């Protein structure tokens, strides 16, 4: 079967071998992502495009498409600068540390033959070994005091553990159930969603698409819940 199909082979080089196509592909993928999300198409600055063209793209064209989709959602402005690119593109590759030269110890050859010391007048000669001379010299040396080690810095205080919010929810649910409240599940679910979505909108400064990405829900879902929960007032 392979030899029946293997008639004409077409080799499509990887993206790293055709960097001149990156600018055209970036424009295409940004337009595609903007249409899918219903937002305005963003453009890439020359500096950001240079960073993309210098990237190796181990994931080939699919990696570039995912980056453009990420930029459509996460880039704050309509013009994408180099600082808006994903962190893995902005961080230069770390160079391996250079090998440190190791000191080579050369053994010292010590002559252990006895020393001949002349006494001057009378021609009397006496022999003194090296060990005795070194021992006599070392006896006059005093050991240097050991350098005091710096005291270790005090450890940072452990932050206080926050209250268990699950226990708080259980306490509120118990009070509502004991008080005869109906549809407790729907009531607590609405309060929970209102708090979480409101916090996400506050963190993203009202950008709904970015809030949806952070929460892991769809764009239509967050739009519907904002209307149902009265968060668009």
Foldseek 3Di string as FASTA:
>chain_A
DVVVPPDDDDDDDFCLVPLVCLQVLLQVLQVVLCVVVVHDRAEEDPQLSVLVSPDNPPVTSVVSSVQSNCCNQQPPDRYDYNVSGDPVSNDDDDDDDDDDDDDDDDDDDDDFDWDWDAPPPPRDIDTDTPVVVVVVVVVPDDDDDDDDDDDDDDDDDDDDDDDDVVVVLVVVLVVCVVVVHPPSVVVVVLVVVCVQLVVLCVVVVNRQSNSCVVVVHDSVVSVVSCVVSVVVD
